[in-house]
């Protein structure tokens, strides 16, 4: 059962790659989706970095106020 599933996944990947390689619409859709995902990931990383910086600044001010 697992071998059949793995074979199906592999054939699906190969089939999808062939479709994308031979179809302009599919290729442009993949590129558009990739750019959207990368943009969302960049926004999430920027947000997390900002939160981390804010925490570090808060910790620094807290340490200074204790002294």
C-alpha atoms as a PDB file:
ATOM      1  CA  UNK A   1       0.000   0.000   0.000  1.00  0.00           C
ATOM      2  CA  UNK A   2       2.765   2.463   0.942  1.00  0.00           C
ATOM      3  CA  UNK A   3       4.779   1.543  -2.145  1.00  0.00           C
ATOM      4  CA  UNK A   4       1.758   2.213  -4.325  1.00  0.00           C
ATOM      5  CA  UNK A   5       1.217   5.568  -2.636  1.00  0.00           C
ATOM      6  CA  UNK A   6       4.866   6.562  -3.129  1.00  0.00           C
ATOM      7  CA  UNK A   7       4.683   5.498  -6.764  1.00  0.00           C
ATOM      8  CA  UNK A   8       1.554   7.604  -7.242  1.00  0.00           C
ATOM      9  CA  UNK A   9       3.193  10.627  -5.652  1.00  0.00           C
ATOM     10  CA  UNK A  10       6.273  10.236  -7.843  1.00  0.00           C
ATOM     11  CA  UNK A  11       4.200   9.848 -11.009  1.00  0.00           C
ATOM     12  CA  UNK A  12       2.099  12.861 -10.022  1.00  0.00           C
ATOM     13  CA  UNK A  13       5.218  14.969  -9.527  1.00  0.00           C
ATOM     14  CA  UNK A  14       6.613  13.910 -12.890  1.00  0.00           C
ATOM     15  CA  UNK A  15       3.280  14.543 -14.600  1.00  0.00           C
ATOM     16  CA  UNK A  16       2.949  17.961 -12.964  1.00  0.00           C
ATOM     17  CA  UNK A  17       6.475  18.889 -13.991  1.00  0.00           C
ATOM     18  CA  UNK A  18       5.749  17.885 -17.583  1.00  0.00           C
ATOM     19  CA  UNK A  19       2.544  19.907 -17.658  1.00  0.00           C
ATOM     20  CA  UNK A  20       4.271  22.990 -16.243  1.00  0.00           C
ATOM     21  CA  UNK A  21       7.218  22.599 -18.608  1.00  0.00           C
ATOM     22  CA  UNK A  22       4.965  22.435 -21.663  1.00  0.00           C
ATOM     23  CA  UNK A  23       2.241  24.934 -20.757  1.00  0.00           C
ATOM     24  CA  UNK A  24       2.833  28.689 -20.639  1.00  0.00           C
ATOM     25  CA  UNK A  25      -0.300  29.303 -18.550  1.00  0.00           C
ATOM     26  CA  UNK A  26       0.677  26.693 -15.980  1.00  0.00           C
ATOM     27  CA  UNK A  27       4.257  28.001 -15.836  1.00  0.00           C
ATOM     28  CA  UNK A  28       3.096  31.588 -15.319  1.00  0.00           C
ATOM     29  CA  UNK A  29       0.648  30.417 -12.639  1.00  0.00           C
ATOM     30  CA  UNK A  30       3.442  28.602 -10.791  1.00  0.00           C
ATOM     31  CA  UNK A  31       5.719  31.664 -10.981  1.00  0.00           C
ATOM     32  CA  UNK A  32       2.921  33.928  -9.731  1.00  0.00           C
ATOM     33  CA  UNK A  33       2.155  31.578  -6.842  1.00  0.00           C
ATOM     34  CA  UNK A  34       5.831  31.326  -5.913  1.00  0.00           C
ATOM     35  CA  UNK A  35       6.210  35.103  -5.819  1.00  0.00           C
ATOM     36  CA  UNK A  36       3.083  35.456  -3.655  1.00  0.00           C
ATOM     37  CA  UNK A  37       4.346  32.834  -1.214  1.00  0.00           C
ATOM     38  CA  UNK A  38       7.792  34.432  -1.041  1.00  0.00           C
ATOM     39  CA  UNK A  39       6.206  37.829  -0.366  1.00  0.00           C
ATOM     40  CA  UNK A  40       4.090  36.405   2.466  1.00  0.00           C
ATOM     41  CA  UNK A  41       7.111  34.632   3.966  1.00  0.00           C
ATOM     42  CA  UNK A  42       9.124  37.857   3.813  1.00  0.00           C
ATOM     43  CA  UNK A  43       6.324  39.740   5.578  1.00  0.00           C
ATOM     44  CA  UNK A  44       6.115  37.089   8.309  1.00  0.00           C
ATOM     45  CA  UNK A  45       9.884  37.123   8.818  1.00  0.00           C
ATOM     46  CA  UNK A  46       9.923  40.919   9.015  1.00  0.00           C
ATOM     47  CA  UNK A  47       7.151  40.796  11.594  1.00  0.00           C
ATOM     48  CA  UNK A  48       8.970  38.170  13.686  1.00  0.00           C
ATOM     49  CA  UNK A  49      12.238  40.104  13.513  1.00  0.00           C
ATOM     50  CA  UNK A  50      10.446  43.264  14.621  1.00  0.00           C
ATOM     51  CA  UNK A  51       8.916  41.408  17.575  1.00  0.00           C
ATOM     52  CA  UNK A  52      12.326  40.017  18.532  1.00  0.00           C
ATOM     53  CA  UNK A  53      13.910  43.467  18.335  1.00  0.00           C
ATOM     54  CA  UNK A  54      11.117  44.958  20.423  1.00  0.00           C
ATOM     55  CA  UNK A  55      11.629  42.273  23.076  1.00  0.00           C
ATOM     56  CA  UNK A  56      15.370  42.877  23.159  1.00  0.00           C
ATOM     57  CA  UNK A  57      14.820  46.623  23.515  1.00  0.00           C
ATOM     58  CA  UNK A  58      12.351  46.022  26.341  1.00  0.00           C
ATOM     59  CA  UNK A  59      14.814  43.730  28.108  1.00  0.00           C
ATOM     60  CA  UNK A  60      17.606  46.292  27.771  1.00  0.00           C
ATOM     61  CA  UNK A  61      15.470  49.069  29.226  1.00  0.00           C
ATOM     62  CA  UNK A  62      14.350  46.750  32.013  1.00  0.00           C
ATOM     63  CA  UNK A  63      17.969  45.922  32.881  1.00  0.00           C
ATOM     64  CA  UNK A  64      18.908  49.614  32.850  1.00  0.00           C
ATOM     65  CA  UNK A  65      16.005  50.531  35.131  1.00  0.00           C
ATOM     66  CA  UNK A  66      17.006  47.837  37.644  1.00  0.00           C
ATOM     67  CA  UNK A  67      20.509  49.290  37.948  1.00  0.00           C
END
